[in-house]
Amino acid sequence: MMGQNHGIIESSGGDGGEIVVPGSSPFDVLPEDCISNIISFTSPRDACVAASVSKTFESAVNSDSVWDKFLPPDYSSLVSQSRVFASKKELYFALCHNHVLIEDGKKSFWLEKASGKRCIMLSSKELWITWGSSPEYWQWISLPESRFEKVAELLDVCWFEIRGKTSTRVLSPGTRYSAYIVFKTKDGCPGLGHLLVEVELGLVGQESSKRFIYFVGPRNRRRGRETRDVTKPEQREDGWMEAELGEFFSEESCDEIEFSVIEIKSPYWKSGLIIQGIEFRPTKSP
């Protein structure tokens, strides 16, 4: 049945998994372009599930008219003109799997595979970092595993403060997003990794949400302060770490989202943090 397969299927490769072979359906009497038009109002995930209904549905799903609806309106500016794609479906999955640098390499763009929603990461060059231009406190380094040409490495500061903002026009409207700081630590991030770091996130002109994050984690179990508003870092598939800053709803109108990551209460000097950027992606359903 159509509802029994909920994953996105890009191919029926030999990975040992179960392969659904499309058969026939009473809907096959409909014109194929009519089926394509209906499917284009669903989601990429639903379209891939629909492809297992019948051969007719499979053909309709592969139509460029379906995947053109799932692509962002400005997709032609996001791909190299020298690269040729066999279909709009191939182009769609290329934008899901390959991060595209935009705005002079200061932002990374890609699509969430299941929904087609826009995702971005702001590079650390797009952030306002206190003492960030002073080489005795911060340095800008190149890492092969980074999406960006340079990332910020904390050498030694007492006042740790990062701020930034971006327009929601680069995101999908009518979508709830989560923001994450993406980083790595060195030597346990001395003077900072075990401290509660205050973060704020919100639309400009509206009340911001506040919480605390760890870059490493508490040395010992703390009583009283360990609440659900404290976020511990998690390992990412790309080898970096991330900590969630909060959530917001991207409206149809063009707003700005602003955020801050601050630790200025501790008198100790802080070091050993590498920041790739701030990532925005659709919030996962609980």
Protein backbone atom coordinates (compact mmCIF):
# COMPACT_ATOMS: atom_id res chain seq x y z
CA MET A 1 0.00 0.00 0.00
CA MET A 2 1.05 3.56 -0.62
CA GLY A 3 1.34 4.52 3.03
CA GLN A 4 3.61 1.63 3.99
CA ASN A 5 6.83 3.16 2.68
CA HIS A 6 7.75 6.42 4.37
CA GLY A 7 11.38 6.85 3.31
CA ILE A 8 12.73 8.81 0.40
CA ILE A 9 13.81 6.42 -2.32
CA GLU A 10 16.30 7.76 -4.81
CA SER A 11 17.06 4.48 -6.49
CA SER A 12 16.43 0.79 -6.08
CA GLY A 13 20.09 0.02 -5.54
CA GLY A 14 21.34 -3.27 -4.17
CA ASP A 15 21.68 -2.36 -0.53
CA GLY A 16 19.90 -5.49 0.63
CA GLY A 17 16.74 -3.59 1.61
CA GLU A 18 13.21 -4.39 0.56
CA ILE A 19 12.35 -3.07 -2.91
CA VAL A 20 8.77 -2.11 -3.70
CA VAL A 21 7.95 -3.03 -7.29
CA PRO A 22 5.20 -0.81 -8.72
CA GLY A 23 2.22 -2.79 -9.97
CA SER A 24 -1.06 -1.36 -11.20
CA SER A 25 -3.56 1.06 -9.69
CA PRO A 26 -7.13 2.15 -10.49
CA PHE A 27 -5.70 5.68 -10.75
CA ASP A 28 -3.72 4.60 -13.80
CA VAL A 29 -6.72 5.55 -15.96
CA LEU A 30 -5.94 9.20 -15.20
CA PRO A 31 -3.72 11.08 -17.67
CA GLU A 32 -0.11 11.00 -16.53
CA ASP A 33 0.22 14.79 -16.56
CA CYS A 34 -2.84 14.98 -14.32
CA ILE A 35 -1.18 12.62 -11.81
CA SER A 36 2.02 14.66 -11.99
CA ASN A 37 0.12 17.85 -11.28
CA ILE A 38 -1.56 16.33 -8.21
CA ILE A 39 1.71 14.94 -6.84
CA SER A 40 3.43 18.30 -7.27
CA PHE A 41 1.20 19.69 -4.50
CA THR A 42 2.55 17.15 -1.98
CA SER A 43 6.15 16.87 -0.73
CA PRO A 44 9.31 15.18 -2.04
CA ARG A 45 8.87 12.42 0.55
CA ASP A 46 5.26 11.80 -0.51
CA ALA A 47 6.24 11.87 -4.17
CA CYS A 48 8.83 9.14 -3.67
CA VAL A 49 6.28 7.04 -1.78
CA ALA A 50 3.74 7.57 -4.57
CA ALA A 51 6.25 6.22 -7.10
CA SER A 52 5.75 2.74 -5.60
CA VAL A 53 2.00 2.68 -6.38
CA SER A 54 2.29 1.71 -10.04
CA LYS A 55 4.42 2.09 -13.15
CA THR A 56 2.22 5.00 -14.23
CA PHE A 57 2.73 6.77 -10.90
CA GLU A 58 6.46 6.10 -11.06
CA SER A 59 6.63 7.74 -14.47
CA ALA A 60 4.48 10.65 -13.30
CA VAL A 61 6.67 11.21 -10.23
CA ASN A 62 9.81 11.38 -12.38
CA SER A 63 8.31 14.19 -14.46
CA ASP A 64 10.21 17.47 -14.42
CA SER A 65 6.92 19.27 -13.71
CA VAL A 66 6.80 17.58 -10.28
CA TRP A 67 10.35 18.35 -9.16
CA ASP A 68 10.25 21.85 -10.57
CA LYS A 69 7.64 22.63 -7.88
CA PHE A 70 9.94 21.25 -5.17
CA LEU A 71 12.93 23.35 -6.26
CA PRO A 72 13.42 26.91 -4.95
CA PRO A 73 12.44 29.62 -7.48
CA ASP A 74 16.05 30.81 -7.73
CA TYR A 75 17.58 27.35 -8.18
CA SER A 76 19.27 28.28 -11.47
CA SER A 77 21.54 30.70 -9.60
CA LEU A 78 22.53 28.02 -7.07
CA VAL A 79 24.14 25.54 -9.45
CA SER A 80 27.12 25.78 -11.73
CA GLN A 81 26.16 26.59 -15.31
CA SER A 82 28.77 24.08 -16.50
CA ARG A 83 27.04 21.17 -14.77
CA VAL A 84 24.30 19.36 -16.69
CA PHE A 85 21.54 17.44 -14.93
CA ALA A 86 19.54 14.68 -16.60
CA SER A 87 16.34 15.75 -14.83
CA LYS A 88 14.90 18.19 -12.29
CA LYS A 89 14.77 15.28 -9.85
CA GLU A 90 18.53 14.78 -10.17
CA LEU A 91 19.03 18.52 -9.64
CA TYR A 92 16.82 18.45 -6.54
CA PHE A 93 18.84 15.70 -4.86
CA ALA A 94 22.08 17.43 -5.84
CA LEU A 95 20.93 20.47 -3.84
CA CYS A 96 20.11 18.16 -0.92
CA HIS A 97 23.47 16.41 -0.83
CA ASN A 98 25.82 19.23 -1.87
CA HIS A 99 26.10 22.44 0.10
CA VAL A 100 26.26 25.50 -2.15
CA LEU A 101 28.23 28.57 -1.09
CA ILE A 102 26.30 31.81 -1.65
CA GLU A 103 26.81 35.52 -0.94
CA ASP A 104 30.56 35.54 -1.60
CA GLY A 105 31.11 32.32 0.30
CA LYS A 106 29.72 33.66 3.58
CA LYS A 107 26.68 31.38 3.62
CA SER A 108 26.15 27.70 2.84
CA PHE A 109 22.81 26.66 1.30
CA TRP A 110 21.11 23.28 0.83
CA LEU A 111 17.63 21.69 0.83
CA GLU A 112 16.17 19.36 3.43
CA LYS A 113 15.63 16.13 1.54
CA ALA A 114 12.21 15.11 2.87
CA SER A 115 10.48 18.49 2.62
CA GLY A 116 12.49 20.64 0.21
CA LYS A 117 12.74 23.36 2.87
CA ARG A 118 15.69 25.74 2.67
CA CYS A 119 18.60 25.35 5.11
CA ILE A 120 21.54 27.72 5.59
CA MET A 121 24.67 28.07 7.65
CA LEU A 122 26.25 31.45 8.32
CA SER A 123 30.04 31.28 8.32
CA SER A 124 31.92 32.60 11.33
CA LYS A 125 33.01 35.48 9.06
CA GLU A 126 29.35 36.62 9.12
CA LEU A 127 29.35 36.85 12.93
CA TRP A 128 30.32 39.74 15.19
CA ILE A 129 32.98 38.33 17.53
CA THR A 130 34.38 40.51 20.30
CA TRP A 131 38.15 40.83 19.69
CA GLY A 132 37.68 38.70 16.56
CA SER A 133 40.04 40.90 14.54
CA SER A 134 42.81 40.78 17.17
CA PRO A 135 45.26 37.95 16.34
CA GLU A 136 46.35 37.58 19.96
CA TYR A 137 42.80 36.59 20.92
CA TRP A 138 41.31 34.92 17.82
CA GLN A 139 42.83 33.51 14.65
CA TRP A 140 41.28 32.59 11.31
CA ILE A 141 42.31 29.17 10.07
CA SER A 142 41.55 26.83 7.16
CA LEU A 143 40.24 23.32 7.83
CA PRO A 144 39.64 20.74 5.08
CA GLU A 145 36.47 19.53 6.82
CA SER A 146 34.91 23.01 6.88
CA ARG A 147 32.46 24.26 4.25
CA PHE A 148 34.06 27.69 4.38
CA GLU A 149 37.46 29.04 3.45
CA LYS A 150 38.19 30.26 6.99
CA VAL A 151 36.85 29.47 10.47
CA ALA A 152 37.39 31.24 13.77
CA GLU A 153 39.63 29.71 16.44
CA LEU A 154 39.55 31.07 19.99
CA LEU A 155 43.08 31.51 21.32
CA ASP A 156 42.65 33.35 24.60
CA VAL A 157 39.93 35.71 25.82
CA CYS A 158 38.27 36.56 29.10
CA TRP A 159 35.22 38.24 27.51
CA PHE A 160 33.51 35.68 25.22
CA GLU A 161 30.81 37.29 23.08
CA ILE A 162 29.40 36.35 19.68
CA ARG A 163 26.44 38.08 18.01
CA GLY A 164 24.81 37.98 14.60
CA LYS A 165 21.69 38.43 12.54
CA THR A 166 20.35 37.39 9.15
CA SER A 167 17.26 37.93 7.04
CA THR A 168 14.59 35.23 7.02
CA ARG A 169 14.16 35.75 3.25
CA VAL A 170 16.83 33.07 2.70
CA LEU A 171 14.63 30.57 4.60
CA SER A 172 11.35 28.89 3.68
CA PRO A 173 8.27 30.86 4.79
CA GLY A 174 5.65 29.30 7.04
CA THR A 175 8.25 27.02 8.64
CA ARG A 176 9.50 26.50 12.19
CA TYR A 177 13.30 26.55 12.33
CA SER A 178 15.94 25.60 14.88
CA ALA A 179 19.31 27.36 15.08
CA TYR A 180 22.58 25.67 16.07
CA ILE A 181 26.12 26.79 16.71
CA VAL A 182 28.48 24.39 14.89
CA PHE A 183 31.93 24.00 16.44
CA LYS A 184 34.87 21.87 17.52
CA THR A 185 36.87 21.97 20.73
CA LYS A 186 40.59 21.56 21.47
CA ASP A 187 42.01 20.26 24.76
CA GLY A 188 38.58 20.32 26.40
CA CYS A 189 38.05 24.02 25.63
CA PRO A 190 39.86 25.33 28.76
CA GLY A 191 38.04 27.96 30.80
CA LEU A 192 34.84 27.68 28.72
CA GLY A 193 33.87 24.09 27.89
CA HIS A 194 32.45 23.31 31.34
CA LEU A 195 30.72 26.66 31.87
CA LEU A 196 27.07 27.48 31.24
CA VAL A 197 27.03 29.82 28.23
CA GLU A 198 24.00 32.09 27.81
CA VAL A 199 22.38 32.19 24.36
CA GLU A 200 19.50 34.24 22.95
CA LEU A 201 17.55 33.85 19.71
CA GLY A 202 14.58 35.72 18.32
CA LEU A 203 13.10 37.87 15.57
CA VAL A 204 14.22 41.50 15.66
CA GLY A 205 11.65 43.59 17.53
CA GLN A 206 10.20 40.61 19.38
CA GLU A 207 11.07 39.01 22.69
CA SER A 208 13.99 36.60 22.38
CA SER A 209 14.14 33.13 23.89
CA LYS A 210 16.96 32.51 26.37
CA ARG A 211 18.72 29.33 27.41
CA PHE A 212 22.12 27.99 28.40
CA ILE A 213 24.40 25.67 26.45
CA TYR A 214 27.60 23.75 27.13
CA PHE A 215 30.44 23.44 24.65
CA VAL A 216 31.68 20.32 26.47
CA GLY A 217 29.55 19.62 29.55
CA PRO A 218 29.54 20.03 33.34
CA ARG A 219 32.52 18.70 35.29
CA ASN A 220 30.21 17.50 38.02
CA ARG A 221 26.45 17.19 38.31
CA ARG A 222 25.07 20.59 39.23
CA ARG A 223 22.01 20.91 41.38
CA GLY A 224 19.36 23.47 40.65
CA ARG A 225 20.82 24.81 37.38
CA GLU A 226 20.39 21.62 35.35
CA THR A 227 17.03 22.32 33.75
CA ARG A 228 15.50 21.61 30.40
CA ASP A 229 16.76 25.04 29.29
CA VAL A 230 20.35 23.75 29.35
CA THR A 231 21.48 22.26 26.05
CA LYS A 232 24.42 19.87 25.83
CA PRO A 233 26.40 19.47 22.61
CA GLU A 234 25.74 16.65 20.17
CA GLN A 235 27.97 14.98 17.61
CA ARG A 236 27.07 15.59 13.95
CA GLU A 237 27.51 13.21 11.03
CA ASP A 238 30.07 15.57 9.46
CA GLY A 239 32.40 15.29 12.48
CA TRP A 240 31.55 18.67 14.00
CA MET A 241 29.62 19.33 17.21
CA GLU A 242 26.47 21.39 17.57
CA ALA A 243 24.39 22.96 20.34
CA GLU A 244 20.88 24.28 19.78
CA LEU A 245 20.33 27.99 20.37
CA GLY A 246 16.53 27.92 20.11
CA GLU A 247 13.58 27.92 17.71
CA PHE A 248 11.59 30.51 15.77
CA PHE A 249 8.84 30.63 13.14
CA SER A 250 9.73 32.01 9.71
CA GLU A 251 6.77 34.11 8.56
CA GLU A 252 5.74 34.99 5.03
CA SER A 253 7.04 38.52 5.62
CA CYS A 254 10.75 39.33 5.46
CA ASP A 255 12.07 39.62 9.02
CA GLU A 256 15.49 39.47 10.62
CA ILE A 257 16.55 36.85 13.13
CA GLU A 258 19.21 37.80 15.68
CA PHE A 259 21.19 35.70 18.15
CA SER A 260 23.96 35.90 20.73
CA VAL A 261 26.30 33.47 22.52
CA ILE A 262 27.89 35.03 25.61
CA GLU A 263 30.00 34.10 28.66
CA ILE A 264 31.38 37.15 30.48
CA LYS A 265 30.79 36.21 34.14
CA SER A 266 33.74 33.89 34.65
CA PRO A 267 37.06 35.66 35.43
CA TYR A 268 39.07 32.86 33.80
CA TRP A 269 40.64 33.04 30.36
CA LYS A 270 39.06 30.88 27.69
CA SER A 271 40.53 29.02 24.71
CA GLY A 272 40.24 25.93 22.52
CA LEU A 273 37.03 26.62 20.54
CA ILE A 274 36.73 26.49 16.73
CA ILE A 275 33.53 27.94 15.28
CA GLN A 276 32.39 27.01 11.79
CA GLY A 277 29.12 28.96 11.91
CA ILE A 278 25.44 29.16 12.83
CA GLU A 279 23.10 26.70 11.11
CA PHE A 280 19.37 27.10 10.49
CA ARG A 281 17.30 24.06 9.53
CA PRO A 282 13.63 23.02 9.94
CA THR A 283 12.75 21.90 13.44
CA LYS A 284 12.28 18.15 13.76
CA SER A 285 8.85 17.00 14.91
CA PRO A 286 8.93 15.57 18.47
